[in-house]
């Protein structure tokens, strides 16, 4: 708090002895120590009361920060899982072979079988059903 060096303490001691005398100086130092202890006690009490009052205000804020932190950790874990899945996925299908993806396969029209049941179209008109 105060920035005293050893020479300044020595000068204060000499001044105190000259002003108060050697017989009253020990009692005055003792009294100053008691006042200092009381001052520290009052400051600590004030600090405790202030922290108790502000804790009621800051508790919801701390809870909100904890919730946000937990959500952030969950998002980070989900991102890690997605990253692991992305690195584990292969860029091409396993049955595509060396040619790359299956979209690179060229089909020659001569290789398409004719007369396939799924491609044949009936030539007969639909039969009429009687109305009942």
N, C-alpha and C. Protein backbone atom coordinates (compact mmCIF):
# COMPACT_ATOMS: atom_id res chain seq x y z
N UNK A 1 0.83 -1.17 0.00
CA UNK A 1 0.00 0.00 0.00
C UNK A 1 0.89 1.25 0.00
N UNK A 2 1.74 1.37 0.98
CA UNK A 2 2.69 2.46 1.00
C UNK A 2 4.02 1.94 0.49
N UNK A 3 4.71 2.77 -0.24
CA UNK A 3 5.97 2.35 -0.82
C UNK A 3 7.12 2.95 -0.01
N UNK A 4 7.43 2.30 1.13
CA UNK A 4 8.53 2.77 1.99
C UNK A 4 9.73 1.88 1.78
N UNK A 5 10.91 2.49 1.78
CA UNK A 5 12.12 1.69 1.78
C UNK A 5 12.75 1.76 3.17
N UNK A 6 13.87 1.11 3.36
CA UNK A 6 14.46 1.00 4.71
C UNK A 6 14.92 2.36 5.25
N UNK A 7 15.40 3.25 4.40
CA UNK A 7 15.84 4.57 4.87
C UNK A 7 14.66 5.39 5.37
N UNK A 8 13.54 5.27 4.71
CA UNK A 8 12.36 6.02 5.15
C UNK A 8 11.84 5.49 6.48
N UNK A 9 11.88 4.16 6.69
CA UNK A 9 11.48 3.60 7.99
C UNK A 9 12.43 4.08 9.09
N UNK A 10 13.69 4.12 8.80
CA UNK A 10 14.67 4.60 9.78
C UNK A 10 14.41 6.06 10.14
N UNK A 11 14.12 6.88 9.13
CA UNK A 11 13.83 8.30 9.37
C UNK A 11 12.55 8.46 10.19
N UNK A 12 11.52 7.66 9.90
CA UNK A 12 10.28 7.71 10.69
C UNK A 12 10.52 7.29 12.14
N UNK A 13 11.33 6.26 12.34
CA UNK A 13 11.65 5.80 13.70
C UNK A 13 12.36 6.87 14.51
N UNK A 14 13.34 7.52 13.90
CA UNK A 14 14.09 8.57 14.59
C UNK A 14 13.16 9.75 14.92
N UNK A 15 12.30 10.11 13.95
CA UNK A 15 11.37 11.22 14.19
C UNK A 15 10.39 10.86 15.31
N UNK A 16 9.91 9.62 15.35
CA UNK A 16 8.98 9.20 16.40
C UNK A 16 9.64 9.23 17.76
N UNK A 17 10.89 8.81 17.86
CA UNK A 17 11.60 8.84 19.15
C UNK A 17 11.79 10.28 19.61
N UNK A 18 12.14 11.17 18.67
CA UNK A 18 12.35 12.57 19.03
C UNK A 18 11.04 13.25 19.44
N UNK A 19 9.94 12.91 18.77
CA UNK A 19 8.67 13.58 19.06
C UNK A 19 8.02 13.02 20.33
N UNK A 20 7.88 11.70 20.43
CA UNK A 20 7.13 11.09 21.53
C UNK A 20 8.01 10.67 22.71
N UNK A 21 9.26 10.49 22.50
CA UNK A 21 10.15 10.06 23.57
C UNK A 21 10.20 8.54 23.66
N UNK A 22 11.30 8.01 24.20
CA UNK A 22 11.47 6.55 24.25
C UNK A 22 10.53 5.87 25.24
N UNK A 23 9.98 6.60 26.24
CA UNK A 23 9.11 5.92 27.19
C UNK A 23 7.69 5.75 26.67
N UNK A 24 7.17 6.65 25.86
CA UNK A 24 5.80 6.53 25.34
C UNK A 24 5.73 5.80 23.99
N UNK A 25 6.83 5.65 23.31
CA UNK A 25 6.83 5.06 21.96
C UNK A 25 6.34 3.61 21.92
N UNK A 26 6.75 2.69 22.83
CA UNK A 26 6.23 1.32 22.77
C UNK A 26 4.71 1.24 22.94
N UNK A 27 4.15 2.03 23.82
CA UNK A 27 2.69 2.05 24.01
C UNK A 27 1.98 2.57 22.78
N UNK A 28 2.55 3.55 22.14
CA UNK A 28 1.94 4.11 20.92
C UNK A 28 2.02 3.11 19.76
N UNK A 29 3.12 2.39 19.66
CA UNK A 29 3.25 1.37 18.60
C UNK A 29 2.23 0.26 18.83
N UNK A 30 2.06 -0.14 20.11
CA UNK A 30 1.09 -1.17 20.45
C UNK A 30 -0.32 -0.70 20.09
N UNK A 31 -0.65 0.54 20.42
CA UNK A 31 -1.97 1.10 20.13
C UNK A 31 -2.19 1.18 18.61
N UNK A 32 -1.17 1.57 17.87
CA UNK A 32 -1.28 1.63 16.40
C UNK A 32 -1.53 0.24 15.83
N UNK A 33 -0.88 -0.78 16.40
CA UNK A 33 -1.12 -2.16 15.96
C UNK A 33 -2.54 -2.61 16.23
N UNK A 34 -3.10 -2.20 17.38
CA UNK A 34 -4.49 -2.55 17.70
C UNK A 34 -5.45 -1.88 16.72
N UNK A 35 -5.21 -0.60 16.42
CA UNK A 35 -6.05 0.10 15.46
C UNK A 35 -5.97 -0.55 14.07
N UNK A 36 -4.78 -0.94 13.72
CA UNK A 36 -4.60 -1.60 12.42
C UNK A 36 -5.36 -2.93 12.38
N UNK A 37 -5.33 -3.71 13.46
CA UNK A 37 -6.05 -4.98 13.52
C UNK A 37 -7.56 -4.75 13.44
N UNK A 38 -8.06 -3.70 14.13
CA UNK A 38 -9.48 -3.38 14.07
C UNK A 38 -9.87 -2.96 12.65
N UNK A 39 -9.03 -2.19 12.02
CA UNK A 39 -9.29 -1.76 10.65
C UNK A 39 -9.36 -2.96 9.70
N UNK A 40 -8.45 -3.91 9.87
CA UNK A 40 -8.48 -5.11 9.04
C UNK A 40 -9.75 -5.92 9.30
N UNK A 41 -10.18 -6.01 10.55
CA UNK A 41 -11.39 -6.75 10.90
C UNK A 41 -12.63 -6.11 10.27
N UNK A 42 -12.71 -4.78 10.34
CA UNK A 42 -13.84 -4.07 9.73
C UNK A 42 -13.83 -4.26 8.22
N UNK A 43 -12.67 -4.19 7.60
CA UNK A 43 -12.56 -4.37 6.15
C UNK A 43 -12.97 -5.79 5.76
N UNK A 44 -12.56 -6.79 6.53
CA UNK A 44 -12.93 -8.17 6.22
C UNK A 44 -14.43 -8.38 6.39
N UNK A 45 -15.01 -7.78 7.43
CA UNK A 45 -16.46 -7.89 7.65
C UNK A 45 -17.22 -7.22 6.50
N UNK A 46 -16.77 -6.05 6.10
CA UNK A 46 -17.40 -5.36 4.98
C UNK A 46 -17.31 -6.19 3.70
N UNK A 47 -16.16 -6.79 3.46
CA UNK A 47 -15.96 -7.61 2.27
C UNK A 47 -16.90 -8.81 2.28
N UNK A 48 -17.05 -9.47 3.46
CA UNK A 48 -17.96 -10.62 3.55
C UNK A 48 -19.40 -10.22 3.29
N UNK A 49 -19.84 -9.10 3.87
CA UNK A 49 -21.21 -8.64 3.66
C UNK A 49 -21.44 -8.27 2.19
N UNK A 50 -20.48 -7.63 1.58
CA UNK A 50 -20.61 -7.24 0.18
C UNK A 50 -20.68 -8.48 -0.71
N UNK A 51 -19.86 -9.47 -0.45
CA UNK A 51 -19.89 -10.70 -1.24
C UNK A 51 -21.20 -11.45 -1.03
N UNK A 52 -21.75 -11.43 0.19
CA UNK A 52 -23.03 -12.09 0.45
C UNK A 52 -24.15 -11.41 -0.32
N UNK A 53 -24.15 -10.09 -0.36
CA UNK A 53 -25.19 -9.36 -1.09
C UNK A 53 -25.05 -9.55 -2.60
N UNK A 54 -23.84 -9.52 -3.10
CA UNK A 54 -23.66 -9.65 -4.54
C UNK A 54 -23.81 -11.09 -5.01
N UNK A 55 -23.65 -12.05 -4.11
CA UNK A 55 -23.81 -13.45 -4.53
C UNK A 55 -25.25 -13.74 -4.92
N UNK A 56 -26.22 -13.06 -4.28
CA UNK A 56 -27.61 -13.23 -4.66
C UNK A 56 -27.85 -12.72 -6.07
N UNK A 57 -27.15 -11.69 -6.44
CA UNK A 57 -27.31 -11.11 -7.78
C UNK A 57 -26.55 -11.92 -8.82
N UNK A 58 -25.36 -12.35 -8.47
CA UNK A 58 -24.51 -13.02 -9.46
C UNK A 58 -24.78 -14.51 -9.60
N UNK A 59 -25.55 -15.12 -8.69
CA UNK A 59 -25.83 -16.56 -8.79
C UNK A 59 -26.54 -16.92 -10.08
N UNK A 60 -27.63 -16.21 -10.49
CA UNK A 60 -28.25 -16.56 -11.78
C UNK A 60 -27.28 -16.41 -12.95
N UNK A 61 -26.42 -15.41 -12.87
CA UNK A 61 -25.44 -15.22 -13.95
C UNK A 61 -24.45 -16.36 -13.99
N UNK A 62 -23.99 -16.80 -12.82
CA UNK A 62 -23.06 -17.94 -12.79
C UNK A 62 -23.73 -19.21 -13.31
N UNK A 63 -25.01 -19.41 -12.95
CA UNK A 63 -25.74 -20.58 -13.45
C UNK A 63 -25.88 -20.53 -14.96
N UNK A 64 -26.17 -19.35 -15.50
CA UNK A 64 -26.30 -19.21 -16.95
C UNK A 64 -24.97 -19.47 -17.64
N UNK A 65 -23.89 -18.99 -17.06
CA UNK A 65 -22.56 -19.23 -17.64
C UNK A 65 -22.25 -20.73 -17.61
N UNK A 66 -22.62 -21.40 -16.53
CA UNK A 66 -22.38 -22.85 -16.44
C UNK A 66 -23.19 -23.59 -17.50
N UNK A 67 -24.46 -23.16 -17.71
CA UNK A 67 -25.29 -23.81 -18.73
C UNK A 67 -24.70 -23.60 -20.12
N UNK A 68 -24.27 -22.38 -20.41
CA UNK A 68 -23.68 -22.09 -21.72
C UNK A 68 -22.40 -22.89 -21.90
N UNK A 69 -21.62 -23.00 -20.86
CA UNK A 69 -20.39 -23.79 -20.94
C UNK A 69 -20.69 -25.25 -21.21
N UNK A 70 -21.73 -25.78 -20.56
CA UNK A 70 -22.10 -27.18 -20.78
C UNK A 70 -22.57 -27.39 -22.22
N UNK A 71 -23.38 -26.46 -22.74
CA UNK A 71 -23.84 -26.57 -24.12
C UNK A 71 -22.65 -26.49 -25.08
N UNK A 72 -21.70 -25.61 -24.78
CA UNK A 72 -20.51 -25.51 -25.62
C UNK A 72 -19.71 -26.80 -25.63
N UNK A 73 -19.61 -27.45 -24.47
CA UNK A 73 -18.90 -28.73 -24.41
C UNK A 73 -19.64 -29.80 -25.22
N UNK A 74 -20.99 -29.79 -25.14
CA UNK A 74 -21.77 -30.76 -25.91
C UNK A 74 -21.60 -30.53 -27.41
N UNK A 75 -21.57 -29.26 -27.81
CA UNK A 75 -21.39 -28.94 -29.23
C UNK A 75 -20.00 -29.36 -29.69
N UNK A 76 -19.00 -29.14 -28.86
CA UNK A 76 -17.64 -29.55 -29.20
C UNK A 76 -17.55 -31.06 -29.33
N UNK A 77 -18.22 -31.79 -28.44
CA UNK A 77 -18.21 -33.25 -28.52
C UNK A 77 -18.92 -33.72 -29.79
N UNK A 78 -20.04 -33.08 -30.13
CA UNK A 78 -20.76 -33.46 -31.34
C UNK A 78 -19.91 -33.15 -32.58
N UNK A 79 -19.23 -32.02 -32.56
CA UNK A 79 -18.34 -31.68 -33.68
C UNK A 79 -17.21 -32.68 -33.82
N UNK A 80 -16.70 -33.14 -32.69
CA UNK A 80 -15.64 -34.14 -32.72
C UNK A 80 -16.16 -35.45 -33.32
N UNK A 81 -17.39 -35.84 -32.92
CA UNK A 81 -17.99 -37.06 -33.47
C UNK A 81 -18.20 -36.93 -34.98
N UNK A 82 -18.68 -35.77 -35.42
CA UNK A 82 -18.90 -35.56 -36.85
C UNK A 82 -17.56 -35.59 -37.59
N UNK A 83 -16.53 -35.01 -37.00
CA UNK A 83 -15.21 -35.04 -37.62
C UNK A 83 -14.67 -36.45 -37.74
N UNK A 84 -14.90 -37.26 -36.70
CA UNK A 84 -14.45 -38.65 -36.76
C UNK A 84 -15.22 -39.42 -37.83
N UNK A 85 -16.52 -39.16 -37.96
CA UNK A 85 -17.31 -39.83 -38.99
C UNK A 85 -16.87 -39.39 -40.38
N UNK A 86 -16.55 -38.11 -40.52
CA UNK A 86 -16.14 -37.60 -41.83
C UNK A 86 -14.79 -38.17 -42.25
N UNK A 87 -13.88 -38.34 -41.32
CA UNK A 87 -12.58 -38.90 -41.69
C UNK A 87 -12.68 -40.39 -41.93
N UNK A 88 -13.66 -41.06 -41.34
CA UNK A 88 -13.82 -42.50 -41.53
C UNK A 88 -14.56 -42.85 -42.80
N UNK A 89 -15.29 -41.89 -43.41
CA UNK A 89 -16.06 -42.17 -44.62
C UNK A 89 -15.13 -42.21 -45.82
N UNK A 90 -15.42 -43.13 -46.76
CA UNK A 90 -14.60 -43.21 -47.97
C UNK A 90 -15.19 -42.29 -49.03
N UNK A 91 -14.36 -41.68 -49.87
CA UNK A 91 -14.87 -40.74 -50.87
C UNK A 91 -15.60 -41.43 -52.01
N UNK A 92 -15.35 -42.71 -52.27
CA UNK A 92 -16.03 -43.43 -53.34
C UNK A 92 -16.66 -44.69 -52.79
N UNK A 93 -17.59 -45.22 -53.55
CA UNK A 93 -18.24 -46.46 -53.14
C UNK A 93 -17.23 -47.59 -53.26
N UNK A 94 -17.31 -48.61 -52.42
CA UNK A 94 -16.32 -49.68 -52.47
C UNK A 94 -16.40 -50.51 -53.74
N UNK A 95 -17.56 -50.59 -54.40
CA UNK A 95 -17.66 -51.43 -55.60
C UNK A 95 -17.43 -50.63 -56.87
N UNK A 96 -16.98 -49.38 -56.78
CA UNK A 96 -16.75 -48.58 -57.97
C UNK A 96 -15.46 -48.97 -58.67
N UNK A 97 -14.58 -49.60 -57.98
CA UNK A 97 -13.33 -50.03 -58.60
C UNK A 97 -12.35 -48.89 -58.74
N UNK A 98 -11.43 -49.04 -59.68
CA UNK A 98 -10.40 -48.03 -59.86
C UNK A 98 -10.89 -46.84 -60.67
N UNK A 99 -12.00 -46.97 -61.32
CA UNK A 99 -12.48 -45.91 -62.19
C UNK A 99 -13.05 -44.73 -61.44
N UNK A 100 -13.12 -44.75 -60.17
CA UNK A 100 -13.68 -43.64 -59.40
C UNK A 100 -15.09 -43.97 -58.96
N UNK A 101 -15.98 -43.03 -59.13
CA UNK A 101 -17.35 -43.26 -58.68
C UNK A 101 -18.14 -43.99 -59.76
N UNK A 102 -19.33 -44.44 -59.41
CA UNK A 102 -20.16 -45.21 -60.36
C UNK A 102 -20.69 -44.33 -61.46
N UNK A 103 -20.65 -43.01 -61.33
CA UNK A 103 -21.12 -42.12 -62.38
C UNK A 103 -20.17 -42.12 -63.57
N UNK A 104 -18.97 -42.60 -63.40
CA UNK A 104 -17.99 -42.63 -64.49
C UNK A 104 -18.18 -43.83 -65.41
N UNK A 105 -19.08 -44.74 -65.08
CA UNK A 105 -19.27 -45.95 -65.89
C UNK A 105 -20.06 -45.58 -67.15
N UNK A 106 -19.54 -45.97 -68.32
CA UNK A 106 -20.19 -45.68 -69.60
C UNK A 106 -20.94 -46.93 -70.06
N UNK A 107 -22.21 -46.75 -70.42
CA UNK A 107 -23.02 -47.87 -70.91
C UNK A 107 -23.19 -47.72 -72.42
N UNK A 108 -22.81 -48.76 -73.13
CA UNK A 108 -22.94 -48.79 -74.58
C UNK A 108 -24.38 -49.20 -74.91
N UNK A 109 -25.08 -48.49 -75.81
CA UNK A 109 -26.48 -48.84 -76.13
C UNK A 109 -26.62 -50.24 -76.74
N UNK A 110 -25.56 -50.75 -77.38
CA UNK A 110 -25.64 -52.08 -77.97
C UNK A 110 -25.67 -53.17 -76.91
N UNK A 111 -25.19 -52.85 -75.70
CA UNK A 111 -25.14 -53.84 -74.63
C UNK A 111 -26.45 -53.98 -73.88
N UNK A 112 -27.43 -53.11 -74.16
CA UNK A 112 -28.72 -53.18 -73.46
C UNK A 112 -29.51 -54.33 -74.06
N UNK A 113 -29.96 -55.27 -73.23
CA UNK A 113 -30.72 -56.41 -73.77
C UNK A 113 -32.10 -55.96 -74.24
N UNK A 114 -32.52 -56.54 -75.35
CA UNK A 114 -33.85 -56.20 -75.88
C UNK A 114 -34.87 -57.21 -75.36
N UNK A 115 -36.12 -56.82 -75.33
CA UNK A 115 -37.17 -57.73 -74.89
C UNK A 115 -37.25 -57.86 -73.38
N UNK A 116 -36.66 -56.99 -72.68
CA UNK A 116 -36.73 -57.03 -71.22
C UNK A 116 -38.17 -56.71 -70.80
N UNK A 117 -38.68 -57.39 -69.84
CA UNK A 117 -40.07 -57.24 -69.41
C UNK A 117 -40.33 -55.85 -68.86
N UNK A 118 -39.37 -55.24 -68.25
CA UNK A 118 -39.58 -53.93 -67.66
C UNK A 118 -39.61 -52.83 -68.71
N UNK A 119 -39.05 -53.10 -69.91
CA UNK A 119 -39.02 -52.07 -70.94
C UNK A 119 -40.05 -52.31 -72.04
N UNK A 120 -40.71 -53.46 -72.05
CA UNK A 120 -41.69 -53.73 -73.11
C UNK A 120 -42.99 -53.01 -72.81
N UNK A 121 -43.63 -52.51 -73.90
CA UNK A 121 -44.88 -51.77 -73.78
C UNK A 121 -45.97 -52.61 -74.43
N UNK A 122 -47.11 -52.79 -73.77
CA UNK A 122 -48.19 -53.58 -74.39
C UNK A 122 -48.77 -52.83 -75.59
N UNK A 123 -49.05 -53.57 -76.63
CA UNK A 123 -49.60 -52.96 -77.85
C UNK A 123 -51.10 -53.09 -77.91
N UNK A 124 -51.72 -53.93 -77.12
CA UNK A 124 -53.17 -54.10 -77.10
C UNK A 124 -53.80 -52.96 -76.30
N UNK A 125 -54.97 -52.48 -76.77
CA UNK A 125 -55.65 -51.45 -75.98
C UNK A 125 -56.20 -52.07 -74.69
N UNK A 126 -56.39 -51.28 -73.69
CA UNK A 126 -56.91 -51.83 -72.44
C UNK A 126 -58.33 -52.36 -72.63
N UNK A 127 -58.62 -53.45 -71.99
CA UNK A 127 -59.94 -54.07 -72.09
C UNK A 127 -60.95 -53.23 -71.33
N UNK A 128 -62.17 -53.18 -71.93
CA UNK A 128 -63.21 -52.41 -71.27
C UNK A 128 -63.87 -53.24 -70.20
N UNK A 129 -64.14 -52.61 -69.10
CA UNK A 129 -64.81 -53.31 -68.01
C UNK A 129 -66.28 -52.92 -68.01
N UNK A 130 -67.13 -53.88 -67.72
CA UNK A 130 -68.57 -53.54 -67.67
C UNK A 130 -68.87 -52.68 -66.44
N UNK A 131 -69.76 -51.75 -66.60
CA UNK A 131 -70.15 -50.87 -65.52
C UNK A 131 -71.27 -51.54 -64.75
N UNK A 132 -71.15 -51.63 -63.47
CA UNK A 132 -72.20 -52.28 -62.68
C UNK A 132 -72.89 -51.34 -61.77
